[in-house]
Amino acid sequence: MKICCIGAGYVGGPTMAMIAKQCPEVEVTVVDINAERIAAWQTDELPIYEPGLLEVVREARGRNLFFSTEVDDAIRAADVVFVSVNTPTKTFGEGAGRASDLQYWELCARRIKEVSTSDKIIVEKSTLPVRTADAMERVLHAGDNPVHFEVLSNPEFLAEGTAIADLENPDRVLIGGHETEAGQRALQTLVDVYAHWIPRERILTSNVWSSELSKLTANAFLAQRVSSINAISQLCEATEADVAEVANAIGTDSRIGPKFLKASVGFGGSCFKKDILNLVYLCETYGLDEAAAYWQQVVEMNEFQQTRFVKTILHSMFNTIAGKRIAVLGFAFKADTGDTRESPAIKVCRELALERAEVVVSDPKALGNAKQDLEGVESVVFEADPYAAVAGAHAVAVLTDWEAYKTLDFERIYAAMEKPAFLFDGRNMLDHAALHAMGFEVYSIGKGRLSHLD
């Protein structure tokens, strides 16, 4: 079997590397029009950072895993074509700010149709609105092309930072196919690929539409939990309850569970906001206005949490941060990735800059992306060394839960800062009592403050 994947990004690259590792008899080719990205996949300096990814790529690369810019040749030779291209939120026209921009997806479909000379299975790997497979089939089968295409939905459920573990030992793999003889044959073909290493009971099958909608729904439910606990964090601060204790109490309920109940400055990443807004748009399209408003509130609560964090900084520091140096530790949207898409740090840094603070951004993996995200924002500088970032700072704001931040020498940091020295823990990851004992003015999410100024 020959597999081609169009798109060498955060989903296509790791997924194909794992398939190639686990299925040595399958030839896997990842193609992309970005020559620089393809070149990077063929070195040990991969274009994305993901723990364990390099080892998986090394095992299969050159054996049965290949990276190429020869898109047409790879499509033509393939039995199965995965489509893993970007589907960002539209920035123009109808549905702007909510609907998915499907222009890259449609270009792929048209290219597949144009160059294919044999029947193929097309696998939707990109996150797409429900019933997109129907539109893809209309594009693929338009005209008098004798080639037959069977479209499957196989959404990814990867979490950045743990993508390799998620691929190696997933909770489930979901494959949607048509309930026709040809559709079920195609579905079984893909089931057999994953069954090389995943127990059959974890490979779920459904119709195409259920599979497409499941991806949006899964991310919406996870994001909803984050926004829910963040809404409660505000009440905790007002009533002197501790949000960590509340989360632990409700998380021990087997009907609720503990995951995604950690209060923070908010969620980020390429999926949550985009997928919820897509769900909102779909609900509105079908006239389901109340459902649309419900899911819209999840996004609004997340954005409010970021603004509230900045207001806490401002009000705690005597209602002015103009000219004050604020060291931001962490810019990636989560630990163990260099990805900054929709990171809460973007909004926080921009709002701090609007208050005319001198913002110093530090992150072990995301500084390159941070510079792009904050391009044109005045009074922002970038510093790889966290100790250099905090030197002379009036405040430290922790925005990414990098494990390395827990082991920083905070006695040294306190000594290097202006006094009073403020610390705002946007991830509730530090020992607040110990920091307060050192002399810090400590502010956290949903836990109130520990101050020497009262």
Protein backbone atom coordinates (compact mmCIF):
# COMPACT_ATOMS: atom_id res chain seq x y z
CA MET A 1 0.00 0.00 0.00
CA LYS A 2 1.09 3.56 -0.73
CA ILE A 3 -0.13 6.46 1.38
CA CYS A 4 0.25 10.13 0.52
CA CYS A 5 -0.42 12.93 2.99
CA ILE A 6 -0.94 16.46 1.69
CA GLY A 7 0.27 18.82 4.39
CA ALA A 8 3.46 18.52 6.48
CA GLY A 9 2.32 20.45 9.53
CA TYR A 10 1.50 19.69 13.17
CA VAL A 11 -0.97 16.93 12.25
CA GLY A 12 0.25 15.46 8.97
CA GLY A 13 3.92 15.10 9.87
CA PRO A 14 3.61 13.29 13.24
CA THR A 15 0.63 11.15 12.14
CA MET A 16 2.36 9.89 9.01
CA ALA A 17 5.60 9.29 10.91
CA MET A 18 3.75 7.06 13.36
CA ILE A 19 1.94 5.15 10.60
CA ALA A 20 5.27 4.60 8.82
CA LYS A 21 6.92 3.41 12.04
CA GLN A 22 4.13 0.97 12.90
CA CYS A 23 3.48 -0.24 9.33
CA PRO A 24 6.90 -0.88 7.75
CA GLU A 25 5.32 -2.53 4.69
CA VAL A 26 3.35 0.66 3.88
CA GLU A 27 5.11 3.39 1.87
CA VAL A 28 4.23 6.80 3.30
CA THR A 29 5.02 10.07 1.50
CA VAL A 30 4.32 13.47 3.05
CA VAL A 31 4.06 16.30 0.53
CA ASP A 32 3.85 20.06 0.87
CA ILE A 33 4.39 23.03 -1.42
CA ASN A 34 6.56 24.63 1.28
CA ALA A 35 10.04 23.50 0.21
CA GLU A 36 11.69 24.86 3.35
CA ARG A 37 9.38 22.83 5.57
CA ILE A 38 9.92 19.65 3.57
CA ALA A 39 13.69 20.16 3.73
CA ALA A 40 13.50 20.55 7.51
CA TRP A 41 11.64 17.24 7.87
CA GLN A 42 14.64 15.56 6.24
CA THR A 43 17.04 16.83 8.90
CA ASP A 44 17.25 16.51 12.67
CA GLU A 45 16.01 20.11 12.99
CA LEU A 46 12.34 19.32 12.42
CA PRO A 47 9.99 22.21 11.57
CA ILE A 48 7.88 21.55 14.67
CA TYR A 49 8.83 20.73 18.24
CA GLU A 50 7.14 17.72 19.79
CA PRO A 51 8.71 15.47 22.46
CA GLY A 52 9.63 12.08 20.96
CA LEU A 53 8.87 13.07 17.37
CA LEU A 54 12.46 13.07 16.12
CA GLU A 55 13.01 9.50 17.30
CA VAL A 56 9.90 8.28 15.45
CA VAL A 57 10.89 10.13 12.27
CA ARG A 58 14.43 8.78 12.41
CA GLU A 59 13.18 5.20 12.70
CA ALA A 60 11.14 5.32 9.48
CA ARG A 61 12.70 8.11 7.41
CA GLY A 62 14.34 6.77 4.27
CA ARG A 63 12.94 3.28 4.89
CA ASN A 64 9.25 3.80 4.20
CA LEU A 65 8.74 7.46 5.21
CA PHE A 66 9.54 10.13 2.66
CA PHE A 67 9.06 13.89 2.41
CA SER A 68 8.67 15.59 -0.96
CA THR A 69 7.49 18.68 -2.81
CA GLU A 70 6.48 16.51 -5.79
CA VAL A 71 2.81 16.70 -4.88
CA ASP A 72 1.34 15.42 -8.15
CA ASP A 73 3.60 12.36 -8.36
CA ALA A 74 2.81 11.33 -4.80
CA ILE A 75 -0.95 11.72 -5.30
CA ARG A 76 -0.86 9.77 -8.55
CA ALA A 77 1.03 6.86 -6.98
CA ALA A 78 -1.04 6.66 -3.79
CA ASP A 79 -3.81 4.24 -2.89
CA VAL A 80 -4.84 6.40 0.08
CA VAL A 81 -4.54 10.21 0.21
CA PHE A 82 -4.77 12.00 3.55
CA VAL A 83 -5.74 15.69 3.32
CA SER A 84 -4.16 17.52 6.25
CA VAL A 85 -4.08 21.15 5.14
CA ASN A 86 -4.83 24.25 7.16
CA THR A 87 -8.50 25.19 7.61
CA PRO A 88 -8.26 28.51 9.46
CA THR A 89 -11.17 30.69 10.47
CA LYS A 90 -12.34 32.94 7.63
CA THR A 91 -11.19 36.55 7.84
CA PHE A 92 -13.38 37.83 5.01
CA GLY A 93 -16.86 37.58 3.53
CA GLU A 94 -19.78 35.57 4.85
CA GLY A 95 -18.99 33.84 8.13
CA ALA A 96 -15.86 35.92 8.73
CA GLY A 97 -14.50 35.31 12.22
CA ARG A 98 -16.41 32.03 12.66
CA ALA A 99 -16.69 29.81 9.59
CA SER A 100 -13.81 27.66 8.34
CA ASP A 101 -11.85 28.92 5.35
CA LEU A 102 -11.94 25.92 3.02
CA GLN A 103 -10.02 27.37 0.08
CA TYR A 104 -6.90 25.23 0.67
CA TRP A 105 -9.02 22.13 1.18
CA GLU A 106 -10.87 22.72 -2.11
CA LEU A 107 -7.62 23.35 -4.00
CA CYS A 108 -6.41 19.96 -2.73
CA ALA A 109 -9.60 18.24 -3.85
CA ARG A 110 -9.33 19.75 -7.32
CA ARG A 111 -5.66 18.78 -7.56
CA ILE A 112 -6.38 15.20 -6.53
CA LYS A 113 -9.08 14.95 -9.18
CA GLU A 114 -6.87 16.48 -11.88
CA VAL A 115 -3.84 14.23 -11.46
CA SER A 116 -5.38 10.92 -10.37
CA THR A 117 -5.42 8.05 -12.85
CA SER A 118 -6.65 5.30 -10.51
CA ASP A 119 -9.32 4.87 -7.83
CA LYS A 120 -8.35 6.27 -4.43
CA ILE A 121 -9.47 6.53 -0.83
CA ILE A 122 -9.45 10.16 0.33
CA VAL A 123 -9.14 10.70 4.07
CA GLU A 124 -10.20 13.98 5.69
CA LYS A 125 -7.61 14.61 8.40
CA SER A 126 -8.11 18.37 8.60
CA THR A 127 -10.75 19.62 11.02
CA LEU A 128 -13.76 20.38 8.85
CA PRO A 129 -17.41 21.40 9.24
CA VAL A 130 -19.95 18.61 9.22
CA ARG A 131 -20.97 17.51 5.70
CA THR A 132 -17.75 18.75 4.11
CA ALA A 133 -17.17 15.24 2.75
CA ASP A 134 -20.28 15.71 0.62
CA ALA A 135 -18.78 18.85 -0.91
CA MET A 136 -15.45 17.08 -1.47
CA GLU A 137 -17.17 14.24 -3.29
CA ARG A 138 -18.98 16.68 -5.56
CA VAL A 139 -15.66 18.30 -6.48
CA LEU A 140 -13.89 14.95 -6.99
CA HIS A 141 -16.62 13.42 -9.12
CA ALA A 142 -17.55 16.51 -11.17
CA GLY A 143 -17.35 16.09 -14.95
CA ASP A 144 -16.64 12.84 -16.73
CA ASN A 145 -13.62 11.65 -14.73
CA PRO A 146 -13.79 7.80 -14.68
CA VAL A 147 -11.74 7.60 -11.47
CA HIS A 148 -13.74 6.76 -8.33
CA PHE A 149 -12.94 8.38 -5.00
CA GLU A 150 -14.25 7.13 -1.66
CA VAL A 151 -14.09 9.80 1.06
CA LEU A 152 -13.52 8.93 4.72
CA SER A 153 -13.44 11.16 7.79
CA ASN A 154 -10.60 10.43 10.24
CA PRO A 155 -10.32 13.43 12.60
CA GLU A 156 -7.24 13.85 14.77
CA PHE A 157 -7.51 14.07 18.55
CA LEU A 158 -3.91 14.99 19.29
CA ALA A 159 -2.79 17.28 22.07
CA GLU A 160 0.35 19.27 21.33
CA GLY A 161 3.13 18.34 23.70
CA THR A 162 1.84 14.76 23.97
CA ALA A 163 1.13 14.06 20.29
CA ILE A 164 3.48 11.08 20.02
CA ALA A 165 2.01 9.42 23.10
CA ASP A 166 -1.48 10.19 21.78
CA LEU A 167 -0.63 8.56 18.45
CA GLU A 168 1.05 5.55 19.99
CA ASN A 169 -1.62 4.85 22.59
CA PRO A 170 -4.78 6.80 21.70
CA ASP A 171 -8.03 6.80 23.66
CA ARG A 172 -9.72 6.10 20.35
CA VAL A 173 -9.34 6.38 16.60
CA LEU A 174 -12.50 7.49 14.80
CA ILE A 175 -13.17 6.66 11.14
CA GLY A 176 -16.33 7.67 9.35
CA GLY A 177 -17.39 6.12 6.06
CA HIS A 178 -20.45 5.81 3.90
CA GLU A 179 -22.84 2.94 4.63
CA THR A 180 -22.41 1.53 1.14
CA GLU A 181 -20.43 -1.51 0.07
CA ALA A 182 -17.65 0.66 -1.39
CA GLY A 183 -17.69 2.95 1.65
CA GLN A 184 -17.37 0.05 4.07
CA ARG A 185 -14.51 -1.48 2.06
CA ALA A 186 -12.65 1.82 2.19
CA LEU A 187 -13.36 2.14 5.89
CA GLN A 188 -12.00 -1.35 6.55
CA THR A 189 -8.83 -0.52 4.61
CA LEU A 190 -8.07 2.32 7.00
CA VAL A 191 -9.12 0.28 10.04
CA ASP A 192 -6.55 -2.35 9.01
CA VAL A 193 -3.78 0.28 8.91
CA TYR A 194 -4.45 1.49 12.46
CA ALA A 195 -5.00 -2.08 13.70
CA HIS A 196 -1.25 -2.69 13.25
CA TRP A 197 -0.76 -1.20 16.72
CA ILE A 198 -4.11 -0.06 18.12
CA PRO A 199 -6.53 -2.55 19.74
CA ARG A 200 -9.58 -3.03 17.54
CA GLU A 201 -11.99 -2.02 20.32
CA ARG A 202 -10.43 1.45 20.34
CA ILE A 203 -11.01 1.95 16.61
CA LEU A 204 -14.48 3.46 16.39
CA THR A 205 -16.43 3.55 13.14
CA SER A 206 -19.40 5.74 12.24
CA ASN A 207 -21.03 7.44 9.31
CA VAL A 208 -19.09 10.32 7.79
CA TRP A 209 -21.24 13.08 9.24
CA SER A 210 -20.99 11.80 12.82
CA SER A 211 -17.21 11.58 12.49
CA GLU A 212 -16.89 15.13 11.19
CA LEU A 213 -19.11 16.55 13.94
CA SER A 214 -17.40 14.53 16.69
CA LYS A 215 -14.14 16.44 16.25
CA LEU A 216 -15.77 19.86 16.68
CA THR A 217 -17.84 18.57 19.59
CA ALA A 218 -14.87 17.04 21.43
CA ASN A 219 -12.91 20.29 21.35
CA ALA A 220 -15.97 22.32 22.30
CA PHE A 221 -16.59 20.14 25.36
CA LEU A 222 -12.96 20.34 26.50
CA ALA A 223 -12.85 24.11 26.07
CA GLN A 224 -16.18 24.41 27.87
CA ARG A 225 -14.63 22.77 30.95
CA VAL A 226 -11.76 25.27 30.94
CA SER A 227 -14.11 28.23 30.65
CA SER A 228 -16.37 26.76 33.33
CA ILE A 229 -13.62 26.42 35.93
CA ASN A 230 -12.29 29.86 35.00
CA ALA A 231 -15.74 31.34 35.60
CA ILE A 232 -15.72 29.67 39.03
CA SER A 233 -12.20 31.05 39.65
CA GLN A 234 -13.68 34.55 39.68
CA LEU A 235 -16.20 33.54 42.35
CA CYS A 236 -13.42 31.89 44.35
CA GLU A 237 -11.43 35.12 44.44
CA ALA A 238 -14.51 37.07 45.54
CA THR A 239 -15.39 34.62 48.34
CA GLU A 240 -11.92 33.49 49.45
CA ALA A 241 -12.54 29.93 48.26
CA ASP A 242 -9.62 28.12 46.61
CA VAL A 243 -10.31 27.10 43.01
CA ALA A 244 -7.83 24.21 43.21
CA GLU A 245 -9.72 22.75 46.16
CA VAL A 246 -13.05 23.25 44.39
CA ALA A 247 -11.71 21.59 41.23
CA ASN A 248 -10.35 18.67 43.23
CA ALA A 249 -13.67 18.20 45.03
CA ILE A 250 -15.75 18.13 41.87
CA GLY A 251 -13.13 16.22 39.89
CA THR A 252 -13.36 13.23 42.23
CA ASP A 253 -16.94 12.79 41.08
CA SER A 254 -16.73 9.95 38.55
CA ARG A 255 -19.41 11.64 36.47
CA ILE A 256 -17.20 14.72 36.04
CA GLY A 257 -13.57 13.61 36.32
CA PRO A 258 -10.48 15.73 36.96
CA LYS A 259 -9.23 16.62 33.48
CA PHE A 260 -9.38 20.17 32.07
CA LEU A 261 -10.41 21.61 35.44
CA LYS A 262 -7.25 23.60 36.06
CA ALA A 263 -7.96 27.31 36.34
CA SER A 264 -5.62 29.48 34.30
CA VAL A 265 -5.26 32.57 32.18
CA GLY A 266 -7.19 30.69 29.49
CA PHE A 267 -6.92 28.14 26.71
CA GLY A 268 -5.12 28.64 23.41
CA GLY A 269 -3.92 26.58 20.49
CA SER A 270 -5.01 26.21 16.91
CA CYS A 271 -8.12 24.11 17.59
CA PHE A 272 -10.29 25.14 20.51
CA LYS A 273 -11.32 28.65 19.52
CA LYS A 274 -11.44 27.86 15.82
CA ASP A 275 -13.55 24.75 16.26
CA ILE A 276 -15.99 26.36 18.69
CA LEU A 277 -16.52 29.32 16.38
CA ASN A 278 -17.08 26.88 13.53
CA LEU A 279 -19.67 25.11 15.69
CA VAL A 280 -21.32 28.46 16.43
CA TYR A 281 -21.50 29.24 12.72
CA LEU A 282 -22.96 25.82 11.93
CA CYS A 283 -25.63 26.25 14.60
CA GLU A 284 -26.55 29.66 13.22
CA THR A 285 -26.63 28.28 9.67
CA TYR A 286 -29.24 25.74 10.75
CA GLY A 287 -31.22 28.38 12.69
CA LEU A 288 -30.17 27.05 16.11
CA ASP A 289 -29.56 30.46 17.66
CA GLU A 290 -29.77 29.41 21.31
CA ALA A 291 -27.22 26.64 20.78
CA ALA A 292 -24.97 29.11 18.93
CA ALA A 293 -25.15 31.61 21.80
CA TYR A 294 -24.33 28.88 24.32
CA TRP A 295 -21.11 27.88 22.57
CA GLN A 296 -20.17 31.50 21.79
CA GLN A 297 -20.10 32.16 25.52
CA VAL A 298 -17.31 29.60 25.97
CA VAL A 299 -15.05 31.71 23.73
CA GLU A 300 -16.11 34.99 25.32
CA MET A 301 -15.40 33.69 28.82
CA ASN A 302 -11.92 32.62 27.71
CA GLU A 303 -11.13 36.05 26.28
CA PHE A 304 -12.52 37.76 29.36
CA GLN A 305 -10.22 35.67 31.56
CA GLN A 306 -7.21 37.07 29.71
CA THR A 307 -8.43 40.64 30.02
CA ARG A 308 -9.21 40.05 33.71
CA PHE A 309 -5.64 38.84 34.24
CA VAL A 310 -4.26 42.10 32.82
CA LYS A 311 -6.66 44.13 34.98
CA THR A 312 -5.43 42.24 38.04
CA ILE A 313 -1.86 43.21 37.16
CA LEU A 314 -2.84 46.83 36.61
CA HIS A 315 -4.92 47.24 39.78
CA SER A 316 -2.42 45.37 41.95
CA MET A 317 0.42 47.62 40.81
CA PHE A 318 -1.25 50.83 41.99
CA ASN A 319 -3.35 51.31 38.82
CA THR A 320 -0.41 52.17 36.60
CA ILE A 321 2.15 50.02 34.80
CA ALA A 322 3.37 52.74 32.44
CA GLY A 323 7.15 52.52 32.19
CA LYS A 324 7.27 49.45 34.44
CA ARG A 325 9.20 46.38 33.29
CA ILE A 326 7.03 43.25 33.24
CA ALA A 327 8.73 39.93 32.51
CA VAL A 328 6.45 37.44 30.77
CA LEU A 329 7.64 33.87 31.34
CA GLY A 330 6.16 31.66 28.66
CA PHE A 331 4.59 32.57 25.33
CA ALA A 332 3.65 29.16 23.86
CA PHE A 333 -0.01 28.31 24.42
CA LYS A 334 1.06 25.30 26.51
CA ALA A 335 4.24 23.59 27.66
CA ASP A 336 6.29 21.26 25.45
CA THR A 337 5.47 23.02 22.19
CA GLY A 338 6.70 26.04 20.28
CA ASP A 339 3.19 26.70 18.96
CA THR A 340 1.78 30.13 19.82
CA ARG A 341 -1.44 30.06 17.82
CA GLU A 342 -4.21 31.72 19.86
CA SER A 343 -1.92 31.73 22.90
CA PRO A 344 -3.32 33.78 25.80
CA ALA A 345 0.09 35.45 25.97
CA ILE A 346 -0.62 37.31 22.72
CA LYS A 347 -3.62 39.18 24.11
CA VAL A 348 -2.00 39.68 27.52
CA CYS A 349 1.20 41.16 26.05
CA ARG A 350 -0.72 43.43 23.69
CA GLU A 351 -2.88 44.78 26.51
CA LEU A 352 0.15 45.29 28.75
CA ALA A 353 1.81 47.22 25.93
CA LEU A 354 -1.31 49.38 25.52
CA GLU A 355 -0.86 50.35 29.17
CA ARG A 356 2.67 51.40 28.15
CA ALA A 357 4.43 48.76 30.17
CA GLU A 358 7.89 47.60 29.07
CA VAL A 359 7.18 43.95 28.26
CA VAL A 360 10.00 41.39 28.18
CA VAL A 361 9.01 38.01 26.71
CA SER A 362 10.92 34.82 27.49
CA ASP A 363 10.15 31.27 26.35
CA PRO A 364 12.38 28.22 25.79
CA LYS A 365 10.84 27.22 22.44
CA ALA A 366 8.48 29.92 21.15
CA LEU A 367 10.45 33.16 20.84
CA GLY A 368 10.56 33.01 17.04
CA ASN A 369 6.78 32.74 16.81
CA ALA A 370 6.37 35.33 19.57
CA LYS A 371 8.30 37.89 17.53
CA GLN A 372 5.93 37.33 14.61
CA ASP A 373 2.81 37.48 16.80
CA LEU A 374 3.87 40.76 18.41
CA GLU A 375 5.38 42.36 15.32
CA GLY A 376 4.73 46.09 15.38
CA VAL A 377 3.89 46.18 19.10
CA GLU A 378 6.02 48.86 20.71
CA SER A 379 7.94 48.44 23.97
CA VAL A 380 8.21 44.64 23.69
CA VAL A 381 11.60 42.92 23.77
CA PHE A 382 12.53 39.25 23.69
CA GLU A 383 14.98 37.48 25.95
CA ALA A 384 15.74 33.74 25.89
CA ASP A 385 17.33 33.74 29.35
CA PRO A 386 14.60 34.05 32.02
CA TYR A 387 17.05 35.50 34.52
CA ALA A 388 17.96 38.28 32.09
CA ALA A 389 14.26 38.86 31.44
CA VAL A 390 13.44 39.42 35.11
CA ALA A 391 16.45 41.64 35.89
CA GLY A 392 15.10 45.02 36.97
CA ALA A 393 11.48 43.93 36.48
CA HIS A 394 8.65 45.27 38.60
CA ALA A 395 6.58 42.15 37.96
CA VAL A 396 6.78 38.61 36.62
CA ALA A 397 3.80 37.05 34.82
CA VAL A 398 3.90 33.28 34.26
CA LEU A 399 1.81 32.44 31.19
CA THR A 400 3.01 28.97 30.11
CA ASP A 401 3.32 25.94 32.38
CA TRP A 402 6.86 24.96 31.40
CA GLU A 403 8.20 22.47 33.93
CA ALA A 404 11.51 24.37 33.98
CA TYR A 405 9.81 27.39 35.55
CA LYS A 406 9.11 25.40 38.71
CA THR A 407 12.85 24.98 39.32
CA LEU A 408 13.95 28.56 38.68
CA ASP A 409 15.94 30.20 41.49
CA PHE A 410 13.25 32.57 42.73
CA GLU A 411 15.50 33.91 45.50
CA ARG A 412 17.81 35.10 42.73
CA ILE A 413 14.86 36.46 40.76
CA TYR A 414 13.49 38.34 43.76
CA ALA A 415 16.91 39.88 44.45
CA ALA A 416 17.15 41.10 40.83
CA MET A 417 13.72 42.77 40.75
CA GLU A 418 12.44 46.19 41.74
CA LYS A 419 10.54 46.28 45.00
CA PRO A 420 7.80 45.60 45.76
CA ALA A 421 8.26 42.57 43.52
CA PHE A 422 5.02 41.27 42.05
CA LEU A 423 4.44 37.75 40.74
CA PHE A 424 1.31 36.83 38.79
CA ASP A 425 0.91 33.10 38.27
CA GLY A 426 -1.37 32.64 35.28
CA ARG A 427 -1.02 28.86 35.42
CA ASN A 428 -1.25 28.23 39.19
CA MET A 429 1.90 26.13 38.95
CA LEU A 430 4.23 27.66 41.56
CA ASP A 431 4.55 27.35 45.35
CA HIS A 432 2.78 30.56 46.30
CA ALA A 433 3.38 30.32 50.05
CA ALA A 434 7.13 29.90 49.52
CA LEU A 435 7.24 32.82 47.08
CA HIS A 436 5.35 35.01 49.54
CA ALA A 437 7.79 34.06 52.28
CA MET A 438 10.64 35.24 50.02
CA GLY A 439 9.01 38.65 49.81
CA PHE A 440 6.95 38.47 46.61
CA GLU A 441 3.52 39.97 46.22
CA VAL A 442 1.80 36.85 44.86
CA TYR A 443 -1.37 36.80 42.75
CA SER A 444 -2.88 33.62 41.30
CA ILE A 445 -6.01 32.52 39.48
CA GLY A 446 -8.92 31.68 41.76
CA LYS A 447 -6.83 31.75 44.95
CA GLY A 448 -6.69 35.42 45.82
CA ARG A 449 -3.47 37.16 46.77
CA LEU A 450 -0.65 36.86 49.28
CA SER A 451 0.54 40.37 50.05
CA HIS A 452 2.87 42.23 52.37
CA LEU A 453 1.21 45.55 51.54
CA ASP A 454 -2.07 45.19 53.44
